């Protein structure tokens, strides 16, 4: 957002992203004018807003407080060693922000997946439900989104259409995953034993 002539276009694209419920938007701004930065931050709404500066040695730092910004204004070429402990490197700040966004998006994805399973069970029956569950199951390839709620709802859905083979395959797949301990939970073991029976 540092280029003033490109800001209207970028805000348009941010608006388009909002219309598609894409909430995790990050604005990077090279902080050369404090007044312009404050104005832009005020108009950026709920976006993640990161101000950064570039040192004379071409290092990028994220200065989030006014004191850090004021110190950076008077920087001399050898002040990188002084500014380094006061400010967070831009790469580190951006990395931590992306981790936070990933956690939030995983939670949203889990909730969406759980709602889709419940909606499919309400809307479809028989073969139509089996096809819809197969489509939903393809979206569970990431172990970060697998929770006991999602697995239990899949098992209940398979039980409803009497697809016991799918129940067994699901639990056995969970057992093979090295980082997943869901198959050891009692309620999942119960449904697994039911399907085997």
N, C-alpha and C. Protein backbone atom coordinates (compact mmCIF):
# COMPACT_ATOMS: atom_id res chain seq x y z
N UNK A 1 0.81 -1.20 0.00
CA UNK A 1 0.00 0.00 0.00
C UNK A 1 0.85 1.26 0.00
N UNK A 2 2.14 1.14 -0.10
CA UNK A 2 3.01 2.31 -0.03
C UNK A 2 2.84 3.22 -1.24
N UNK A 3 2.46 2.67 -2.38
CA UNK A 3 2.26 3.46 -3.59
C UNK A 3 0.85 4.05 -3.57
N UNK A 4 0.76 5.35 -3.39
CA UNK A 4 -0.53 6.04 -3.25
C UNK A 4 -1.39 5.85 -4.50
N UNK A 5 -0.80 5.84 -5.67
CA UNK A 5 -1.58 5.70 -6.90
C UNK A 5 -2.22 4.32 -7.03
N UNK A 6 -1.66 3.32 -6.36
CA UNK A 6 -2.22 1.97 -6.44
C UNK A 6 -3.22 1.65 -5.35
N UNK A 7 -3.38 2.54 -4.37
CA UNK A 7 -4.27 2.25 -3.25
C UNK A 7 -5.73 2.04 -3.63
N UNK A 8 -6.30 2.87 -4.52
CA UNK A 8 -7.72 2.63 -4.88
C UNK A 8 -7.94 1.23 -5.46
N UNK A 9 -7.04 0.80 -6.32
CA UNK A 9 -7.17 -0.52 -6.92
C UNK A 9 -7.03 -1.62 -5.87
N UNK A 10 -6.08 -1.45 -4.96
CA UNK A 10 -5.89 -2.45 -3.91
C UNK A 10 -7.10 -2.51 -2.98
N UNK A 11 -7.66 -1.35 -2.64
CA UNK A 11 -8.86 -1.36 -1.80
C UNK A 11 -10.05 -2.00 -2.52
N UNK A 12 -10.13 -1.83 -3.82
CA UNK A 12 -11.16 -2.50 -4.60
C UNK A 12 -11.01 -4.02 -4.48
N UNK A 13 -9.77 -4.51 -4.65
CA UNK A 13 -9.53 -5.95 -4.55
C UNK A 13 -9.80 -6.47 -3.14
N UNK A 14 -9.49 -5.67 -2.14
CA UNK A 14 -9.81 -6.07 -0.76
C UNK A 14 -11.33 -6.17 -0.58
N UNK A 15 -12.07 -5.24 -1.19
CA UNK A 15 -13.53 -5.30 -1.13
C UNK A 15 -14.08 -6.54 -1.80
N UNK A 16 -13.48 -6.92 -2.92
CA UNK A 16 -13.89 -8.14 -3.61
C UNK A 16 -13.63 -9.35 -2.72
N UNK A 17 -12.46 -9.37 -2.07
CA UNK A 17 -12.14 -10.47 -1.16
C UNK A 17 -13.15 -10.54 -0.01
N UNK A 18 -13.54 -9.39 0.50
CA UNK A 18 -14.53 -9.36 1.58
C UNK A 18 -15.87 -9.91 1.10
N UNK A 19 -16.26 -9.60 -0.13
CA UNK A 19 -17.53 -10.09 -0.65
C UNK A 19 -17.55 -11.61 -0.77
N UNK A 20 -16.39 -12.23 -0.85
CA UNK A 20 -16.29 -13.69 -0.87
C UNK A 20 -15.98 -14.26 0.51
N UNK A 21 -16.18 -13.46 1.55
CA UNK A 21 -15.93 -13.85 2.95
C UNK A 21 -14.49 -14.27 3.19
N UNK A 22 -13.56 -13.69 2.46
CA UNK A 22 -12.15 -13.93 2.69
C UNK A 22 -11.66 -12.84 3.65
N UNK A 23 -11.64 -13.19 4.92
CA UNK A 23 -11.43 -12.17 5.95
C UNK A 23 -9.96 -11.93 6.29
N UNK A 24 -9.09 -12.83 5.97
CA UNK A 24 -7.70 -12.70 6.38
C UNK A 24 -6.90 -11.92 5.35
N UNK A 25 -6.93 -10.61 5.48
CA UNK A 25 -6.23 -9.74 4.55
C UNK A 25 -5.15 -8.97 5.30
N UNK A 26 -3.98 -8.89 4.70
CA UNK A 26 -2.85 -8.22 5.33
C UNK A 26 -2.42 -7.05 4.45
N UNK A 27 -2.27 -5.89 5.07
CA UNK A 27 -1.79 -4.71 4.36
C UNK A 27 -0.38 -4.41 4.88
N UNK A 28 0.58 -4.37 3.97
CA UNK A 28 1.94 -3.97 4.30
C UNK A 28 2.15 -2.54 3.84
N UNK A 29 2.74 -1.72 4.70
CA UNK A 29 2.93 -0.32 4.36
C UNK A 29 4.33 0.12 4.76
N UNK A 30 5.09 0.61 3.79
CA UNK A 30 6.42 1.15 4.07
C UNK A 30 6.23 2.50 4.74
N UNK A 31 6.58 2.60 5.99
CA UNK A 31 6.30 3.76 6.82
C UNK A 31 7.31 4.88 6.55
N UNK A 32 6.95 5.76 5.64
CA UNK A 32 7.80 6.92 5.35
C UNK A 32 7.14 8.21 5.80
N UNK A 33 5.83 8.18 5.97
CA UNK A 33 5.08 9.36 6.40
C UNK A 33 4.10 8.93 7.49
N UNK A 34 4.32 9.40 8.72
CA UNK A 34 3.52 8.96 9.87
C UNK A 34 2.05 9.34 9.71
N UNK A 35 1.76 10.53 9.19
CA UNK A 35 0.36 10.97 9.03
C UNK A 35 -0.36 10.11 8.00
N UNK A 36 0.30 9.83 6.90
CA UNK A 36 -0.31 8.99 5.86
C UNK A 36 -0.53 7.58 6.40
N UNK A 37 0.40 7.08 7.19
CA UNK A 37 0.27 5.73 7.76
C UNK A 37 -0.93 5.66 8.70
N UNK A 38 -1.10 6.67 9.56
CA UNK A 38 -2.23 6.68 10.48
C UNK A 38 -3.55 6.78 9.72
N UNK A 39 -3.59 7.61 8.69
CA UNK A 39 -4.80 7.75 7.88
C UNK A 39 -5.15 6.44 7.19
N UNK A 40 -4.15 5.79 6.61
CA UNK A 40 -4.37 4.52 5.92
C UNK A 40 -4.80 3.45 6.91
N UNK A 41 -4.18 3.43 8.08
CA UNK A 41 -4.54 2.43 9.09
C UNK A 41 -5.98 2.64 9.55
N UNK A 42 -6.39 3.88 9.70
CA UNK A 42 -7.77 4.17 10.12
C UNK A 42 -8.78 3.73 9.07
N UNK A 43 -8.43 3.81 7.81
CA UNK A 43 -9.36 3.44 6.75
C UNK A 43 -9.26 1.98 6.34
N UNK A 44 -8.38 1.22 6.98
CA UNK A 44 -8.18 -0.16 6.57
C UNK A 44 -9.11 -1.14 7.27
N UNK A 45 -9.96 -0.66 8.17
CA UNK A 45 -10.97 -1.53 8.77
C UNK A 45 -10.39 -2.66 9.59
N UNK A 46 -10.86 -3.87 9.32
CA UNK A 46 -10.48 -5.04 10.10
C UNK A 46 -9.30 -5.81 9.52
N UNK A 47 -8.57 -5.19 8.61
CA UNK A 47 -7.44 -5.88 8.01
C UNK A 47 -6.26 -5.89 8.97
N UNK A 48 -5.38 -6.85 8.77
CA UNK A 48 -4.11 -6.84 9.50
C UNK A 48 -3.24 -5.77 8.85
N UNK A 49 -2.77 -4.84 9.63
CA UNK A 49 -2.01 -3.70 9.10
C UNK A 49 -0.60 -3.75 9.68
N UNK A 50 0.39 -3.87 8.82
CA UNK A 50 1.78 -3.96 9.27
C UNK A 50 2.57 -2.80 8.68
N UNK A 51 3.09 -1.96 9.56
CA UNK A 51 3.99 -0.87 9.15
C UNK A 51 5.42 -1.39 9.23
N UNK A 52 6.21 -1.07 8.24
CA UNK A 52 7.60 -1.50 8.28
C UNK A 52 8.50 -0.36 7.81
N UNK A 53 9.76 -0.47 8.19
CA UNK A 53 10.76 0.50 7.75
C UNK A 53 11.92 -0.28 7.16
N UNK A 54 12.71 0.42 6.36
CA UNK A 54 13.90 -0.18 5.79
C UNK A 54 15.11 0.59 6.33
N UNK A 55 16.05 -0.13 6.88
CA UNK A 55 17.24 0.50 7.42
C UNK A 55 18.22 0.81 6.29
N UNK A 56 19.22 1.65 6.56
CA UNK A 56 20.23 1.92 5.52
C UNK A 56 20.98 0.68 5.06
N UNK A 57 21.00 -0.35 5.88
CA UNK A 57 21.68 -1.61 5.50
C UNK A 57 20.73 -2.58 4.81
N UNK A 58 19.55 -2.09 4.40
CA UNK A 58 18.55 -2.88 3.68
C UNK A 58 17.95 -3.99 4.53
N UNK A 59 17.80 -3.77 5.83
CA UNK A 59 17.06 -4.68 6.70
C UNK A 59 15.66 -4.10 6.88
N UNK A 60 14.69 -4.98 6.98
CA UNK A 60 13.30 -4.55 7.14
C UNK A 60 12.85 -4.85 8.56
N UNK A 61 12.29 -3.84 9.23
CA UNK A 61 11.81 -3.99 10.60
C UNK A 61 10.37 -3.52 10.70
N UNK A 62 9.64 -4.17 11.57
CA UNK A 62 8.26 -3.80 11.83
C UNK A 62 8.26 -2.98 13.12
N UNK A 63 7.92 -1.72 13.01
CA UNK A 63 7.87 -0.83 14.16
C UNK A 63 6.41 -0.55 14.48
N UNK A 64 5.94 -1.15 15.55
CA UNK A 64 4.52 -1.06 15.86
C UNK A 64 4.17 0.05 16.84
N UNK A 65 5.12 0.57 17.57
CA UNK A 65 4.80 1.64 18.51
C UNK A 65 5.34 2.97 17.98
N UNK A 66 4.78 4.05 18.51
CA UNK A 66 5.22 5.38 18.09
C UNK A 66 6.68 5.62 18.46
N UNK A 67 7.10 5.13 19.62
CA UNK A 67 8.50 5.33 20.04
C UNK A 67 9.46 4.65 19.08
N UNK A 68 9.12 3.46 18.63
CA UNK A 68 9.97 2.76 17.67
C UNK A 68 10.03 3.52 16.35
N UNK A 69 8.88 4.04 15.92
CA UNK A 69 8.87 4.79 14.67
C UNK A 69 9.69 6.06 14.77
N UNK A 70 9.56 6.77 15.90
CA UNK A 70 10.32 8.00 16.07
C UNK A 70 11.82 7.72 16.10
N UNK A 71 12.22 6.62 16.74
CA UNK A 71 13.64 6.25 16.77
C UNK A 71 14.14 5.94 15.38
N UNK A 72 13.30 5.32 14.56
CA UNK A 72 13.73 4.95 13.21
C UNK A 72 13.89 6.17 12.31
N UNK A 73 13.17 7.26 12.60
CA UNK A 73 13.27 8.46 11.78
C UNK A 73 14.66 9.09 11.84
N UNK A 74 15.35 8.93 12.96
CA UNK A 74 16.65 9.56 13.15
C UNK A 74 17.80 8.58 12.94
N UNK A 75 17.52 7.50 12.24
CA UNK A 75 18.52 6.47 12.08
C UNK A 75 19.71 6.91 11.25
N UNK A 76 20.82 6.51 11.71
CA UNK A 76 22.06 6.70 10.97
C UNK A 76 22.47 5.33 10.43
N UNK A 77 23.41 5.27 9.48
CA UNK A 77 23.78 3.98 8.89
C UNK A 77 24.22 2.93 9.91
N UNK A 78 24.78 3.32 11.02
CA UNK A 78 25.26 2.31 11.98
C UNK A 78 24.25 2.03 13.09
N UNK A 79 23.04 2.53 12.97
CA UNK A 79 22.04 2.35 14.01
C UNK A 79 21.27 1.03 13.90
N UNK A 80 21.57 0.23 12.89
CA UNK A 80 20.88 -1.05 12.75
C UNK A 80 21.05 -1.91 13.99
N UNK A 81 22.22 -1.84 14.60
CA UNK A 81 22.46 -2.66 15.79
C UNK A 81 21.63 -2.17 16.97
N UNK A 82 21.33 -0.87 17.00
CA UNK A 82 20.50 -0.33 18.08
C UNK A 82 19.03 -0.62 17.81
N UNK A 83 18.58 -0.47 16.57
CA UNK A 83 17.18 -0.64 16.23
C UNK A 83 16.77 -2.12 16.26
N UNK A 84 17.70 -3.00 15.98
CA UNK A 84 17.40 -4.43 15.93
C UNK A 84 16.70 -4.95 17.18
N UNK A 85 17.21 -4.67 18.39
CA UNK A 85 16.52 -5.16 19.59
C UNK A 85 15.19 -4.46 19.87
N UNK A 86 15.00 -3.23 19.37
CA UNK A 86 13.77 -2.50 19.64
C UNK A 86 12.62 -2.93 18.75
N UNK A 87 12.91 -3.29 17.52
CA UNK A 87 11.87 -3.62 16.54
C UNK A 87 11.96 -5.09 16.13
N UNK A 88 10.84 -5.62 15.70
CA UNK A 88 10.76 -7.00 15.24
C UNK A 88 11.10 -7.02 13.75
N UNK A 89 11.93 -7.95 13.30
CA UNK A 89 12.17 -8.06 11.85
C UNK A 89 10.84 -8.33 11.13
N UNK A 90 10.67 -7.72 9.99
CA UNK A 90 9.42 -7.83 9.24
C UNK A 90 9.10 -9.29 8.92
N UNK A 91 10.08 -10.06 8.58
CA UNK A 91 9.85 -11.47 8.24
C UNK A 91 9.30 -12.22 9.45
N UNK A 92 9.84 -11.94 10.64
CA UNK A 92 9.35 -12.62 11.85
C UNK A 92 7.92 -12.21 12.17
N UNK A 93 7.61 -10.94 12.04
CA UNK A 93 6.25 -10.46 12.31
C UNK A 93 5.27 -11.06 11.32
N UNK A 94 5.65 -11.10 10.06
CA UNK A 94 4.77 -11.65 9.04
C UNK A 94 4.57 -13.16 9.24
N UNK A 95 5.64 -13.86 9.62
CA UNK A 95 5.55 -15.29 9.87
C UNK A 95 4.60 -15.58 11.03
N UNK A 96 4.72 -14.83 12.12
CA UNK A 96 3.84 -15.06 13.27
C UNK A 96 2.39 -14.74 12.91
N UNK A 97 2.18 -13.72 12.10
CA UNK A 97 0.83 -13.38 11.67
C UNK A 97 0.24 -14.50 10.81
N UNK A 98 1.03 -15.05 9.91
CA UNK A 98 0.54 -16.14 9.07
C UNK A 98 0.19 -17.39 9.88
N UNK A 99 0.96 -17.65 10.94
CA UNK A 99 0.64 -18.78 11.82
C UNK A 99 -0.70 -18.55 12.50
N UNK A 100 -0.94 -17.33 12.98
CA UNK A 100 -2.21 -17.01 13.62
C UNK A 100 -3.37 -17.14 12.64
N UNK A 101 -3.17 -16.66 11.43
CA UNK A 101 -4.21 -16.75 10.40
C UNK A 101 -4.48 -18.21 10.07
N UNK A 102 -3.43 -19.04 10.02
CA UNK A 102 -3.60 -20.45 9.71
C UNK A 102 -4.46 -21.14 10.76
N UNK A 103 -4.20 -20.82 12.04
CA UNK A 103 -4.99 -21.41 13.12
C UNK A 103 -6.44 -20.99 13.00
N UNK A 104 -6.68 -19.72 12.74
CA UNK A 104 -8.05 -19.23 12.61
C UNK A 104 -8.75 -19.86 11.41
N UNK A 105 -8.04 -19.99 10.29
CA UNK A 105 -8.67 -20.56 9.10
C UNK A 105 -8.92 -22.05 9.28
N UNK A 106 -8.06 -22.75 10.03
CA UNK A 106 -8.31 -24.17 10.31
C UNK A 106 -9.58 -24.33 11.15
N UNK A 107 -9.76 -23.47 12.14
CA UNK A 107 -10.97 -23.53 12.97
C UNK A 107 -12.20 -23.28 12.12
N UNK A 108 -12.13 -22.30 11.23
CA UNK A 108 -13.25 -22.01 10.34
C UNK A 108 -13.52 -23.20 9.41
N UNK A 109 -12.45 -23.80 8.88
CA UNK A 109 -12.60 -24.93 7.97
C UNK A 109 -13.22 -26.12 8.68
N UNK A 110 -12.80 -26.38 9.93
CA UNK A 110 -13.38 -27.48 10.71
C UNK A 110 -14.87 -27.27 10.90
N UNK A 111 -15.25 -26.06 11.27
CA UNK A 111 -16.66 -25.76 11.50
C UNK A 111 -17.47 -25.90 10.22
N UNK A 112 -16.92 -25.46 9.11
CA UNK A 112 -17.59 -25.59 7.82
C UNK A 112 -17.77 -27.06 7.45
N UNK A 113 -16.73 -27.84 7.66
CA UNK A 113 -16.79 -29.26 7.35
C UNK A 113 -17.84 -29.97 8.20
N UNK A 114 -17.87 -29.66 9.48
CA UNK A 114 -18.85 -30.25 10.38
C UNK A 114 -20.28 -29.87 9.97
N UNK A 115 -20.48 -28.62 9.60
CA UNK A 115 -21.80 -28.18 9.14
C UNK A 115 -22.20 -28.87 7.85
N UNK A 116 -21.24 -29.08 6.95
CA UNK A 116 -21.54 -29.76 5.68
C UNK A 116 -21.96 -31.21 5.92
N UNK A 117 -21.32 -31.88 6.87
CA UNK A 117 -21.68 -33.27 7.19
C UNK A 117 -23.10 -33.31 7.76
N UNK A 118 -23.39 -32.42 8.69
CA UNK A 118 -24.73 -32.39 9.29
C UNK A 118 -25.79 -32.05 8.25
N UNK A 119 -25.50 -31.09 7.39
CA UNK A 119 -26.45 -30.69 6.35
C UNK A 119 -26.69 -31.84 5.37
N UNK A 120 -25.64 -32.56 5.04
CA UNK A 120 -25.79 -33.69 4.11
C UNK A 120 -26.67 -34.77 4.72
N UNK A 121 -26.49 -35.01 6.03
CA UNK A 121 -27.30 -36.04 6.69
C UNK A 121 -28.77 -35.63 6.76
N UNK A 122 -29.03 -34.34 6.85
CA UNK A 122 -30.42 -33.87 6.88
C UNK A 122 -31.05 -33.87 5.49
N UNK A 123 -30.24 -33.58 4.48
CA UNK A 123 -30.76 -33.36 3.13
C UNK A 123 -30.84 -34.63 2.28
N UNK A 124 -29.89 -35.55 2.42
CA UNK A 124 -29.81 -36.70 1.54
C UNK A 124 -30.11 -38.00 2.27
N UNK A 125 -30.45 -39.00 1.48
CA UNK A 125 -30.69 -40.36 1.98
C UNK A 125 -30.07 -41.34 1.00
N UNK A 126 -29.75 -42.52 1.48
CA UNK A 126 -29.31 -43.62 0.64
C UNK A 126 -28.07 -43.32 -0.18
N UNK A 127 -28.14 -43.62 -1.47
CA UNK A 127 -26.99 -43.46 -2.37
C UNK A 127 -26.58 -41.99 -2.50
N UNK A 128 -27.56 -41.09 -2.47
CA UNK A 128 -27.24 -39.66 -2.58
C UNK A 128 -26.39 -39.22 -1.39
N UNK A 129 -26.72 -39.73 -0.19
CA UNK A 129 -25.94 -39.40 0.99
C UNK A 129 -24.54 -40.03 0.90
N UNK A 130 -24.45 -41.23 0.39
CA UNK A 130 -23.14 -41.88 0.23
C UNK A 130 -22.24 -41.08 -0.71
N UNK A 131 -22.82 -40.58 -1.82
CA UNK A 131 -22.03 -39.78 -2.75
C UNK A 131 -21.58 -38.47 -2.11
N UNK A 132 -22.48 -37.84 -1.37
CA UNK A 132 -22.14 -36.58 -0.71
C UNK A 132 -21.08 -36.80 0.37
N UNK A 133 -21.18 -37.89 1.11
CA UNK A 133 -20.17 -38.18 2.13
C UNK A 133 -18.81 -38.47 1.49
N UNK A 134 -18.80 -39.14 0.35
CA UNK A 134 -17.54 -39.40 -0.35
C UNK A 134 -16.90 -38.08 -0.78
N UNK A 135 -17.73 -37.15 -1.24
CA UNK A 135 -17.22 -35.84 -1.64
C UNK A 135 -16.67 -35.07 -0.43
N UNK A 136 -17.38 -35.14 0.68
CA UNK A 136 -16.93 -34.45 1.90
C UNK A 136 -15.67 -35.09 2.44
N UNK A 137 -15.60 -36.40 2.39
CA UNK A 137 -14.42 -37.11 2.94
C UNK A 137 -13.14 -36.73 2.21
N UNK A 138 -13.25 -36.38 0.92
CA UNK A 138 -12.07 -35.95 0.17
C UNK A 138 -11.46 -34.68 0.77
N UNK A 139 -12.27 -33.89 1.45
CA UNK A 139 -11.78 -32.64 2.04
C UNK A 139 -11.10 -32.87 3.39
N UNK A 140 -11.07 -34.10 3.89
CA UNK A 140 -10.46 -34.37 5.19
C UNK A 140 -9.05 -34.94 5.07
N UNK A 141 -8.36 -34.61 3.99
CA UNK A 141 -7.03 -35.15 3.78
C UNK A 141 -5.98 -34.51 4.68
N UNK A 142 -6.30 -33.42 5.32
CA UNK A 142 -5.37 -32.73 6.22
C UNK A 142 -5.71 -33.13 7.66
N UNK A 143 -4.76 -33.70 8.38
CA UNK A 143 -5.02 -34.17 9.74
C UNK A 143 -5.29 -33.02 10.71
N UNK A 144 -4.92 -31.80 10.34
CA UNK A 144 -5.19 -30.67 11.22
C UNK A 144 -6.68 -30.38 11.34
N UNK A 145 -7.45 -30.76 10.35
CA UNK A 145 -8.89 -30.48 10.39
C UNK A 145 -9.68 -31.65 10.97
N UNK A 146 -9.06 -32.77 11.20
CA UNK A 146 -9.78 -33.92 11.75
C UNK A 146 -9.93 -33.74 13.27
N UNK A 147 -11.17 -33.71 13.69
CA UNK A 147 -11.47 -33.67 15.12
C UNK A 147 -12.41 -34.83 15.42
N UNK A 148 -12.59 -35.12 16.68
CA UNK A 148 -13.48 -36.22 17.04
C UNK A 148 -14.92 -35.91 16.60
N UNK A 149 -15.33 -34.64 16.64
CA UNK A 149 -16.68 -34.28 16.18
C UNK A 149 -16.88 -34.63 14.72
N UNK A 150 -15.90 -34.31 13.91
CA UNK A 150 -16.01 -34.58 12.47
C UNK A 150 -16.04 -36.08 12.22
N UNK A 151 -15.16 -36.82 12.88
CA UNK A 151 -15.10 -38.27 12.68
C UNK A 151 -16.39 -38.93 13.16
N UNK A 152 -16.89 -38.52 14.33
CA UNK A 152 -18.13 -39.10 14.86
C UNK A 152 -19.29 -38.81 13.91
N UNK A 153 -19.38 -37.60 13.40
CA UNK A 153 -20.46 -37.27 12.48
C UNK A 153 -20.36 -38.05 11.18
N UNK A 154 -19.13 -38.28 10.71
CA UNK A 154 -18.98 -39.13 9.52
C UNK A 154 -19.42 -40.56 9.83
N UNK A 155 -19.02 -41.07 11.00
CA UNK A 155 -19.40 -42.43 11.38
C UNK A 155 -20.92 -42.56 11.52
N UNK A 156 -21.56 -41.58 12.14
CA UNK A 156 -23.01 -41.61 12.27
C UNK A 156 -23.70 -41.56 10.91
N UNK A 157 -23.13 -40.77 10.01
CA UNK A 157 -23.71 -40.68 8.67
C UNK A 157 -23.57 -41.99 7.92
N UNK A 158 -22.40 -42.62 8.04
CA UNK A 158 -22.20 -43.93 7.39
C UNK A 158 -23.13 -44.98 8.01
N UNK A 159 -23.30 -44.90 9.33
CA UNK A 159 -24.20 -45.85 9.99
C UNK A 159 -25.63 -45.68 9.51
N UNK A 160 -26.02 -44.44 9.27
CA UNK A 160 -27.39 -44.17 8.82
C UNK A 160 -27.68 -44.81 7.48
N UNK A 161 -26.69 -44.85 6.59
CA UNK A 161 -26.91 -45.48 5.28
C UNK A 161 -26.42 -46.94 5.26
N UNK A 162 -26.05 -47.44 6.44
CA UNK A 162 -25.59 -48.81 6.63
C UNK A 162 -24.37 -49.14 5.78
N UNK A 163 -23.47 -48.18 5.65
CA UNK A 163 -22.21 -48.39 4.93
C UNK A 163 -21.13 -48.71 5.97
N UNK A 164 -21.18 -49.93 6.48
CA UNK A 164 -20.29 -50.34 7.56
C UNK A 164 -18.85 -50.48 7.07
N UNK A 165 -18.67 -50.82 5.79
CA UNK A 165 -17.32 -50.89 5.25
C UNK A 165 -16.64 -49.52 5.29
N UNK A 166 -17.39 -48.48 4.99
CA UNK A 166 -16.83 -47.12 5.03
C UNK A 166 -16.46 -46.74 6.46
N UNK A 167 -17.27 -47.18 7.42
CA UNK A 167 -16.95 -46.90 8.83
C UNK A 167 -15.64 -47.57 9.22
N UNK A 168 -15.50 -48.83 8.82
CA UNK A 168 -14.28 -49.58 9.15
C UNK A 168 -13.07 -48.94 8.47
N UNK A 169 -13.21 -48.60 7.20
CA UNK A 169 -12.09 -47.99 6.46
C UNK A 169 -11.68 -46.66 7.07
N UNK A 170 -12.66 -45.86 7.50
CA UNK A 170 -12.35 -44.57 8.10
C UNK A 170 -11.53 -44.74 9.37
N UNK A 171 -11.96 -45.62 10.25
CA UNK A 171 -11.24 -45.81 11.52
C UNK A 171 -9.87 -46.44 11.27
N UNK A 172 -9.78 -47.39 10.36
CA UNK A 172 -8.49 -48.00 10.06
C UNK A 172 -7.54 -47.01 9.41
N UNK A 173 -8.06 -46.10 8.63
CA UNK A 173 -7.22 -45.04 8.06
C UNK A 173 -6.69 -44.14 9.17
N UNK A 174 -7.55 -43.82 10.13
CA UNK A 174 -7.12 -42.99 11.27
C UNK A 174 -6.04 -43.70 12.08
N UNK A 175 -6.15 -45.02 12.22
CA UNK A 175 -5.14 -45.79 12.98
C UNK A 175 -3.78 -45.76 12.30
N UNK A 176 -3.78 -45.66 10.96
CA UNK A 176 -2.51 -45.66 10.23
C UNK A 176 -1.80 -44.31 10.27
N UNK A 177 -2.53 -43.25 10.58
CA UNK A 177 -1.91 -41.92 10.61
C UNK A 177 -1.04 -41.79 11.85
N UNK A 178 0.25 -41.48 11.67
CA UNK A 178 1.16 -41.45 12.82
C UNK A 178 0.89 -40.29 13.79
N UNK A 179 0.36 -39.20 13.32
CA UNK A 179 0.16 -38.05 14.20
C UNK A 179 -1.27 -37.92 14.69
N UNK A 180 -2.10 -38.90 14.44
CA UNK A 180 -3.52 -38.83 14.79
C UNK A 180 -3.85 -39.92 15.80
N UNK A 181 -4.41 -39.53 16.93
CA UNK A 181 -4.78 -40.51 17.95
C UNK A 181 -6.29 -40.62 18.13
N UNK A 182 -7.04 -40.19 17.15
CA UNK A 182 -8.50 -40.21 17.25
C UNK A 182 -9.06 -41.62 17.34
N UNK A 183 -8.42 -42.58 16.70
CA UNK A 183 -8.93 -43.96 16.68
C UNK A 183 -8.88 -44.59 18.07
N UNK A 184 -8.15 -44.01 18.99
CA UNK A 184 -8.05 -44.55 20.35
C UNK A 184 -9.15 -44.05 21.27
N UNK A 185 -9.95 -43.11 20.82
CA UNK A 185 -11.02 -42.58 21.66
C UNK A 185 -12.14 -43.60 21.78
N UNK A 186 -12.74 -43.66 22.96
CA UNK A 186 -13.74 -44.70 23.26
C UNK A 186 -14.96 -44.62 22.35
N UNK A 187 -15.46 -43.42 22.09
CA UNK A 187 -16.67 -43.33 21.26
C UNK A 187 -16.39 -43.75 19.82
N UNK A 188 -15.19 -43.52 19.33
CA UNK A 188 -14.84 -43.96 17.97
C UNK A 188 -14.62 -45.47 17.96
N UNK A 189 -14.01 -46.00 19.02
CA UNK A 189 -13.85 -47.47 19.12
C UNK A 189 -15.21 -48.16 19.15
N UNK A 190 -16.17 -47.55 19.85
CA UNK A 190 -17.51 -48.13 19.92
C UNK A 190 -18.13 -48.25 18.54
N UNK A 191 -18.07 -47.16 17.74
CA UNK A 191 -18.65 -47.20 16.40
C UNK A 191 -17.88 -48.15 15.49
N UNK A 192 -16.59 -48.27 15.70
CA UNK A 192 -15.77 -49.21 14.93
C UNK A 192 -16.19 -50.65 15.23
N UNK A 193 -16.36 -50.95 16.53
CA UNK A 193 -16.79 -52.30 16.91
C UNK A 193 -18.19 -52.59 16.38
N UNK A 194 -19.06 -51.58 16.42
CA UNK A 194 -20.41 -51.73 15.88
C UNK A 194 -20.35 -52.07 14.39
N UNK A 195 -19.51 -51.38 13.66
CA UNK A 195 -19.40 -51.63 12.22
C UNK A 195 -18.81 -53.00 11.94
N UNK A 196 -17.83 -53.42 12.73
CA UNK A 196 -17.26 -54.75 12.54
C UNK A 196 -18.29 -55.84 12.83
N UNK A 197 -19.12 -55.61 13.82
CA UNK A 197 -20.15 -56.58 14.19
C UNK A 197 -21.17 -56.71 13.07
